[in-house]
Structure formats: C-alpha cells, structure tokens
Amino acid sequence: MIHMKFTGLIIVVAVLFAACDRKPFVEHKLKFEKMNGSCEKISPSFRMTSNFGGERFEFEKCLPADFTKEQMTASRQGDTVLIQFKQPAPGKSGDAYAITLDIDSYPKYNYITIDNDTYAIIPSN
C-alpha cells in the first residue's frame, strides 16, 4: 500500500515538472473594425486590460483600406513583444480602424512595442 502511494506521488511530481518545462512563445488574436471618419480623427487613447490569459489592448490605428489579419505580425525580443502593422503606401491615405489585440506570451513580458511606440506593462494591484 505504501509502495503504491509513493509511486503515485512520484508520478504526480514528474507530471508537475514536465508541465513547468514551457518553451517561450507569443500568441495573438486580432479583431479590427473599420471606423467612420479619416485617420486625422484617430483617438490617441490606449487601453490595456490584464487577465489570467494575457493582456487585451484596445486602440485606434490608421491602416491600409484593404487591411487583413495577415498584415500584422507579433514576435518577441527579450522582454518585449513586438507588433508590426502594414502601413498605408506612401501617398495613399489609410482608413481609421478600431483595434482589439489579445496577447498571450511566456515568459512574462515587460514592454510592448506597437510599430514605433513602446509601452511598459505595469500590472495594477
């Protein structure tokens, strides 16, 4: 009986150690909606909400009129998540979009850079 309990404990500990061996990753989910109005009326506000699955960022962005999900990339560099959006072609005006971006990354990141703007990720207590 004691032998079975000890074996069960060893299995549980092994599973816990295996679960802790996580590889670094960054995953994203992008939702966007074209807004009425031009890029000149984009709000500079930026909202972040944290939860157990990562962070949600909400903001407005000027993007090409034919923007698709594939025209945004997410990667990781050190403790920074890098987000790059395709920009409107030179001489062409873009359209205003409302962006909702969910980011899940391991290990924890301290900064997010969206195109050329970097923001510190500071959890609220």
N, C-alpha and C. Protein backbone atom coordinates (compact mmCIF):
# COMPACT_ATOMS: atom_id res chain seq x y z
N MET A 1 0.82 -1.19 0.00
CA MET A 1 0.00 0.00 0.00
C MET A 1 0.87 1.25 0.00
N ILE A 2 1.89 1.28 0.86
CA ILE A 2 2.79 2.43 0.93
C ILE A 2 3.53 2.58 -0.39
N HIS A 3 3.92 1.47 -0.98
CA HIS A 3 4.64 1.49 -2.25
C HIS A 3 3.78 2.14 -3.35
N MET A 4 2.47 1.84 -3.37
CA MET A 4 1.57 2.42 -4.38
C MET A 4 1.41 3.92 -4.16
N LYS A 5 1.32 4.37 -2.91
CA LYS A 5 1.20 5.81 -2.64
C LYS A 5 2.47 6.54 -3.06
N PHE A 6 3.63 5.93 -2.75
CA PHE A 6 4.90 6.53 -3.14
C PHE A 6 5.02 6.62 -4.66
N THR A 7 4.62 5.57 -5.37
CA THR A 7 4.65 5.57 -6.84
C THR A 7 3.71 6.64 -7.38
N GLY A 8 2.54 6.77 -6.79
CA GLY A 8 1.59 7.80 -7.21
C GLY A 8 2.15 9.20 -7.01
N LEU A 9 2.83 9.41 -5.88
CA LEU A 9 3.45 10.70 -5.60
C LEU A 9 4.55 11.01 -6.61
N ILE A 10 5.36 10.02 -6.95
CA ILE A 10 6.42 10.20 -7.94
C ILE A 10 5.82 10.60 -9.29
N ILE A 11 4.74 9.97 -9.68
CA ILE A 11 4.09 10.29 -10.96
C ILE A 11 3.56 11.72 -10.96
N VAL A 12 2.92 12.13 -9.88
CA VAL A 12 2.38 13.49 -9.77
C VAL A 12 3.51 14.51 -9.86
N VAL A 13 4.59 14.29 -9.15
CA VAL A 13 5.73 15.21 -9.17
C VAL A 13 6.33 15.27 -10.57
N ALA A 14 6.47 14.13 -11.24
CA ALA A 14 7.02 14.11 -12.60
C ALA A 14 6.14 14.89 -13.57
N VAL A 15 4.84 14.76 -13.45
CA VAL A 15 3.91 15.49 -14.32
C VAL A 15 4.03 16.99 -14.06
N LEU A 16 4.13 17.38 -12.81
CA LEU A 16 4.26 18.80 -12.48
C LEU A 16 5.55 19.38 -13.06
N PHE A 17 6.66 18.67 -12.94
CA PHE A 17 7.92 19.15 -13.51
C PHE A 17 7.84 19.23 -15.03
N ALA A 18 7.21 18.27 -15.66
CA ALA A 18 7.06 18.29 -17.12
C ALA A 18 6.21 19.47 -17.56
N ALA A 19 5.18 19.79 -16.78
CA ALA A 19 4.30 20.91 -17.13
C ALA A 19 5.02 22.25 -16.99
N CYS A 20 6.04 22.32 -16.16
CA CYS A 20 6.77 23.56 -15.95
C CYS A 20 7.82 23.81 -17.02
N ASP A 21 8.13 22.82 -17.82
CA ASP A 21 9.14 22.96 -18.88
C ASP A 21 8.49 23.56 -20.12
N ARG A 22 8.15 24.84 -20.04
CA ARG A 22 7.47 25.52 -21.15
C ARG A 22 8.48 26.24 -22.02
N LYS A 23 8.24 26.22 -23.30
CA LYS A 23 9.08 26.93 -24.26
C LYS A 23 8.54 28.35 -24.42
N PRO A 24 9.41 29.33 -24.66
CA PRO A 24 8.94 30.70 -24.89
C PRO A 24 8.00 30.77 -26.10
N PHE A 25 6.97 31.60 -26.00
CA PHE A 25 6.04 31.78 -27.11
C PHE A 25 5.38 33.15 -27.02
N VAL A 26 4.80 33.56 -28.12
CA VAL A 26 3.90 34.72 -28.16
C VAL A 26 2.76 34.36 -29.11
N GLU A 27 1.54 34.48 -28.61
CA GLU A 27 0.35 34.21 -29.41
C GLU A 27 -0.51 35.47 -29.40
N HIS A 28 -1.24 35.69 -30.48
CA HIS A 28 -2.10 36.87 -30.54
C HIS A 28 -3.42 36.54 -31.23
N LYS A 29 -4.40 37.35 -30.88
CA LYS A 29 -5.69 37.29 -31.54
C LYS A 29 -6.06 38.74 -31.87
N LEU A 30 -6.33 39.01 -33.14
CA LEU A 30 -6.60 40.36 -33.60
C LEU A 30 -8.03 40.49 -34.08
N LYS A 31 -8.70 41.53 -33.60
CA LYS A 31 -10.02 41.91 -34.10
C LYS A 31 -9.89 43.36 -34.54
N PHE A 32 -10.47 43.68 -35.67
CA PHE A 32 -10.41 45.06 -36.15
C PHE A 32 -11.71 45.41 -36.87
N GLU A 33 -12.06 46.69 -36.78
CA GLU A 33 -13.29 47.17 -37.40
C GLU A 33 -13.02 48.55 -38.00
N LYS A 34 -13.37 48.70 -39.26
CA LYS A 34 -13.20 49.98 -39.93
C LYS A 34 -14.18 50.98 -39.31
N MET A 35 -13.67 52.17 -39.00
CA MET A 35 -14.47 53.21 -38.37
C MET A 35 -14.91 54.23 -39.43
N ASN A 36 -15.93 54.96 -39.11
CA ASN A 36 -16.32 56.09 -39.96
C ASN A 36 -15.38 57.24 -39.66
N GLY A 37 -14.91 57.89 -40.67
CA GLY A 37 -14.01 59.02 -40.46
C GLY A 37 -12.62 58.72 -40.97
N SER A 38 -11.83 59.77 -41.00
CA SER A 38 -10.48 59.66 -41.55
C SER A 38 -9.46 59.41 -40.44
N CYS A 39 -8.25 59.16 -40.85
CA CYS A 39 -7.16 58.89 -39.89
C CYS A 39 -6.85 60.11 -39.02
N GLU A 40 -7.17 61.30 -39.48
CA GLU A 40 -6.89 62.50 -38.70
C GLU A 40 -7.69 62.55 -37.41
N LYS A 41 -8.79 61.79 -37.33
CA LYS A 41 -9.65 61.82 -36.16
C LYS A 41 -9.40 60.65 -35.21
N ILE A 42 -8.29 59.96 -35.38
CA ILE A 42 -7.99 58.82 -34.52
C ILE A 42 -7.68 59.30 -33.10
N SER A 43 -8.27 58.61 -32.14
CA SER A 43 -8.02 58.93 -30.73
C SER A 43 -6.66 58.38 -30.32
N PRO A 44 -5.89 59.17 -29.55
CA PRO A 44 -4.58 58.68 -29.09
C PRO A 44 -4.70 57.76 -27.87
N SER A 45 -5.91 57.53 -27.37
CA SER A 45 -6.07 56.71 -26.16
C SER A 45 -5.67 55.26 -26.43
N PHE A 46 -5.23 54.62 -25.36
CA PHE A 46 -4.72 53.26 -25.42
C PHE A 46 -5.17 52.58 -24.15
N ARG A 47 -5.87 51.46 -24.27
CA ARG A 47 -6.41 50.79 -23.09
C ARG A 47 -5.84 49.38 -22.99
N MET A 48 -5.42 49.00 -21.78
CA MET A 48 -4.93 47.65 -21.54
C MET A 48 -5.72 47.02 -20.41
N THR A 49 -6.13 45.77 -20.60
CA THR A 49 -6.81 45.01 -19.57
C THR A 49 -6.06 43.69 -19.41
N SER A 50 -5.68 43.36 -18.17
CA SER A 50 -4.99 42.10 -17.90
C SER A 50 -5.95 41.08 -17.33
N ASN A 51 -5.72 39.81 -17.69
CA ASN A 51 -6.46 38.71 -17.09
C ASN A 51 -5.54 37.49 -17.06
N PHE A 52 -6.05 36.35 -16.63
CA PHE A 52 -5.19 35.18 -16.47
C PHE A 52 -4.65 34.67 -17.80
N GLY A 53 -5.29 35.00 -18.91
CA GLY A 53 -4.86 34.52 -20.22
C GLY A 53 -3.97 35.49 -20.98
N GLY A 54 -3.56 36.59 -20.36
CA GLY A 54 -2.72 37.56 -21.05
C GLY A 54 -3.28 38.97 -20.92
N GLU A 55 -3.00 39.78 -21.93
CA GLU A 55 -3.45 41.17 -21.92
C GLU A 55 -4.28 41.46 -23.17
N ARG A 56 -5.22 42.38 -23.01
CA ARG A 56 -6.01 42.88 -24.13
C ARG A 56 -5.69 44.36 -24.29
N PHE A 57 -5.37 44.74 -25.52
CA PHE A 57 -5.07 46.13 -25.86
C PHE A 57 -6.13 46.62 -26.81
N GLU A 58 -6.65 47.83 -26.54
CA GLU A 58 -7.66 48.44 -27.40
C GLU A 58 -7.18 49.83 -27.77
N PHE A 59 -7.16 50.10 -29.08
CA PHE A 59 -6.69 51.39 -29.57
C PHE A 59 -7.18 51.59 -30.99
N GLU A 60 -6.93 52.78 -31.53
CA GLU A 60 -7.29 53.10 -32.90
C GLU A 60 -6.02 53.26 -33.72
N LYS A 61 -6.08 52.88 -34.99
CA LYS A 61 -4.88 52.87 -35.83
C LYS A 61 -5.27 53.20 -37.26
N CYS A 62 -4.38 53.91 -37.96
CA CYS A 62 -4.55 54.20 -39.38
C CYS A 62 -3.88 53.06 -40.16
N LEU A 63 -4.66 52.34 -40.95
CA LEU A 63 -4.16 51.19 -41.70
C LEU A 63 -4.63 51.27 -43.15
N PRO A 64 -4.03 50.45 -44.02
CA PRO A 64 -4.48 50.45 -45.41
C PRO A 64 -5.96 50.10 -45.51
N ALA A 65 -6.63 50.65 -46.50
CA ALA A 65 -8.07 50.41 -46.68
C ALA A 65 -8.39 48.92 -46.83
N ASP A 66 -7.46 48.16 -47.39
CA ASP A 66 -7.68 46.73 -47.61
C ASP A 66 -6.96 45.86 -46.57
N PHE A 67 -6.81 46.37 -45.35
CA PHE A 67 -6.07 45.67 -44.30
C PHE A 67 -6.70 44.31 -44.00
N THR A 68 -5.82 43.30 -43.77
CA THR A 68 -6.25 41.96 -43.36
C THR A 68 -5.43 41.53 -42.15
N LYS A 69 -5.88 40.49 -41.45
CA LYS A 69 -5.18 39.98 -40.27
C LYS A 69 -3.74 39.60 -40.58
N GLU A 70 -3.51 39.10 -41.76
CA GLU A 70 -2.18 38.64 -42.15
C GLU A 70 -1.17 39.78 -42.27
N GLN A 71 -1.64 41.02 -42.26
CA GLN A 71 -0.75 42.18 -42.39
C GLN A 71 -0.28 42.71 -41.04
N MET A 72 -0.47 41.91 -40.00
CA MET A 72 0.04 42.23 -38.67
C MET A 72 0.87 41.05 -38.20
N THR A 73 2.04 41.35 -37.60
CA THR A 73 2.88 40.28 -37.06
C THR A 73 3.15 40.55 -35.58
N ALA A 74 3.32 39.46 -34.84
CA ALA A 74 3.67 39.53 -33.42
C ALA A 74 4.90 38.65 -33.21
N SER A 75 5.88 39.20 -32.52
CA SER A 75 7.09 38.43 -32.22
C SER A 75 7.60 38.88 -30.85
N ARG A 76 8.66 38.25 -30.43
CA ARG A 76 9.20 38.54 -29.12
C ARG A 76 10.69 38.82 -29.23
N GLN A 77 11.16 39.84 -28.52
CA GLN A 77 12.58 40.17 -28.48
C GLN A 77 12.91 40.50 -27.02
N GLY A 78 13.57 39.58 -26.34
CA GLY A 78 13.87 39.77 -24.92
C GLY A 78 12.58 39.84 -24.11
N ASP A 79 12.41 40.91 -23.33
CA ASP A 79 11.20 41.06 -22.53
C ASP A 79 10.19 42.00 -23.19
N THR A 80 10.27 42.09 -24.53
CA THR A 80 9.37 42.97 -25.29
C THR A 80 8.62 42.17 -26.36
N VAL A 81 7.31 42.38 -26.44
CA VAL A 81 6.51 41.84 -27.54
C VAL A 81 6.47 42.92 -28.61
N LEU A 82 6.83 42.53 -29.83
CA LEU A 82 6.87 43.46 -30.97
C LEU A 82 5.66 43.21 -31.87
N ILE A 83 4.89 44.27 -32.13
CA ILE A 83 3.72 44.20 -33.00
C ILE A 83 3.99 45.12 -34.19
N GLN A 84 3.84 44.60 -35.39
CA GLN A 84 4.05 45.39 -36.60
C GLN A 84 2.81 45.31 -37.48
N PHE A 85 2.29 46.47 -37.85
CA PHE A 85 1.16 46.57 -38.77
C PHE A 85 1.67 47.07 -40.12
N LYS A 86 1.08 46.56 -41.20
CA LYS A 86 1.38 47.10 -42.52
C LYS A 86 0.83 48.52 -42.57
N GLN A 87 1.64 49.43 -43.05
CA GLN A 87 1.25 50.84 -43.12
C GLN A 87 0.70 51.17 -44.51
N PRO A 88 -0.14 52.21 -44.61
CA PRO A 88 -0.61 52.63 -45.94
C PRO A 88 0.59 52.99 -46.83
N ALA A 89 0.46 52.72 -48.11
CA ALA A 89 1.54 53.04 -49.06
C ALA A 89 1.78 54.54 -49.09
N PRO A 90 3.03 54.95 -49.33
CA PRO A 90 3.32 56.39 -49.39
C PRO A 90 2.42 57.08 -50.43
N GLY A 91 1.88 58.19 -50.03
CA GLY A 91 1.00 58.95 -50.91
C GLY A 91 -0.45 58.49 -50.89
N LYS A 92 -0.74 57.38 -50.23
CA LYS A 92 -2.12 56.88 -50.13
C LYS A 92 -2.62 57.11 -48.72
N SER A 93 -3.88 57.52 -48.63
CA SER A 93 -4.45 57.71 -47.30
C SER A 93 -4.99 56.37 -46.82
N GLY A 94 -4.90 56.16 -45.51
CA GLY A 94 -5.42 54.93 -44.93
C GLY A 94 -6.80 55.18 -44.35
N ASP A 95 -7.33 54.17 -43.73
CA ASP A 95 -8.61 54.26 -43.05
C ASP A 95 -8.41 54.06 -41.55
N ALA A 96 -9.29 54.64 -40.77
CA ALA A 96 -9.24 54.50 -39.32
C ALA A 96 -9.88 53.18 -38.91
N TYR A 97 -9.19 52.44 -38.04
CA TYR A 97 -9.68 51.15 -37.55
C TYR A 97 -9.67 51.15 -36.03
N ALA A 98 -10.68 50.50 -35.45
CA ALA A 98 -10.68 50.20 -34.02
C ALA A 98 -10.05 48.82 -33.87
N ILE A 99 -9.00 48.73 -33.05
CA ILE A 99 -8.22 47.51 -32.91
C ILE A 99 -8.42 46.93 -31.51
N THR A 100 -8.64 45.61 -31.45
CA THR A 100 -8.62 44.86 -30.20
C THR A 100 -7.60 43.75 -30.39
N LEU A 101 -6.56 43.77 -29.58
CA LEU A 101 -5.45 42.84 -29.72
C LEU A 101 -5.23 42.10 -28.40
N ASP A 102 -5.40 40.77 -28.43
CA ASP A 102 -5.14 39.94 -27.26
C ASP A 102 -3.77 39.29 -27.41
N ILE A 103 -2.95 39.42 -26.38
CA ILE A 103 -1.59 38.87 -26.39
C ILE A 103 -1.44 37.90 -25.22
N ASP A 104 -0.93 36.71 -25.52
CA ASP A 104 -0.55 35.73 -24.51
C ASP A 104 0.89 35.36 -24.80
N SER A 105 1.76 35.49 -23.81
CA SER A 105 3.18 35.26 -24.04
C SER A 105 3.83 34.65 -22.81
N TYR A 106 4.80 33.79 -23.05
CA TYR A 106 5.60 33.21 -21.98
C TYR A 106 7.06 33.26 -22.40
N PRO A 107 7.98 33.67 -21.55
CA PRO A 107 7.75 34.16 -20.19
C PRO A 107 7.12 35.55 -20.20
N LYS A 108 6.85 36.04 -19.01
CA LYS A 108 6.22 37.35 -18.84
C LYS A 108 7.01 38.41 -19.60
N TYR A 109 6.31 39.31 -20.23
CA TYR A 109 6.97 40.42 -20.92
C TYR A 109 6.69 41.71 -20.17
N ASN A 110 7.63 42.66 -20.27
CA ASN A 110 7.50 43.92 -19.54
C ASN A 110 7.18 45.11 -20.43
N TYR A 111 7.31 44.93 -21.75
CA TYR A 111 7.05 46.02 -22.70
C TYR A 111 6.35 45.46 -23.93
N ILE A 112 5.58 46.33 -24.55
CA ILE A 112 5.01 46.02 -25.86
C ILE A 112 5.34 47.19 -26.77
N THR A 113 5.84 46.88 -27.96
CA THR A 113 6.13 47.90 -28.96
C THR A 113 5.16 47.68 -30.11
N ILE A 114 4.35 48.69 -30.38
CA ILE A 114 3.40 48.65 -31.49
C ILE A 114 3.91 49.64 -32.52
N ASP A 115 4.38 49.10 -33.64
CA ASP A 115 5.09 49.87 -34.65
C ASP A 115 6.26 50.61 -33.98
N ASN A 116 6.19 51.91 -33.79
CA ASN A 116 7.32 52.64 -33.20
C ASN A 116 7.05 53.13 -31.78
N ASP A 117 5.94 52.73 -31.20
CA ASP A 117 5.57 53.19 -29.85
C ASP A 117 5.73 52.06 -28.84
N THR A 118 6.48 52.31 -27.76
CA THR A 118 6.72 51.30 -26.73
C THR A 118 5.98 51.69 -25.45
N TYR A 119 5.33 50.69 -24.85
CA TYR A 119 4.56 50.89 -23.62
C TYR A 119 5.06 49.90 -22.57
N ALA A 120 5.20 50.36 -21.34
CA ALA A 120 5.55 49.49 -20.23
C ALA A 120 4.30 48.75 -19.78
N ILE A 121 4.45 47.48 -19.48
CA ILE A 121 3.34 46.67 -18.98
C ILE A 121 3.46 46.66 -17.45
N ILE A 122 2.56 47.38 -16.80
CA ILE A 122 2.61 47.51 -15.35
C ILE A 122 1.28 46.98 -14.80
N PRO A 123 1.32 45.81 -14.15
CA PRO A 123 0.07 45.26 -13.61
C PRO A 123 -0.45 46.13 -12.48
N SER A 124 -1.76 46.24 -12.38
CA SER A 124 -2.36 47.00 -11.28
C SER A 124 -2.56 46.06 -10.10
N ASN A 125 -2.46 46.61 -8.92
CA ASN A 125 -2.60 45.79 -7.70
C ASN A 125 -3.98 45.93 -7.13
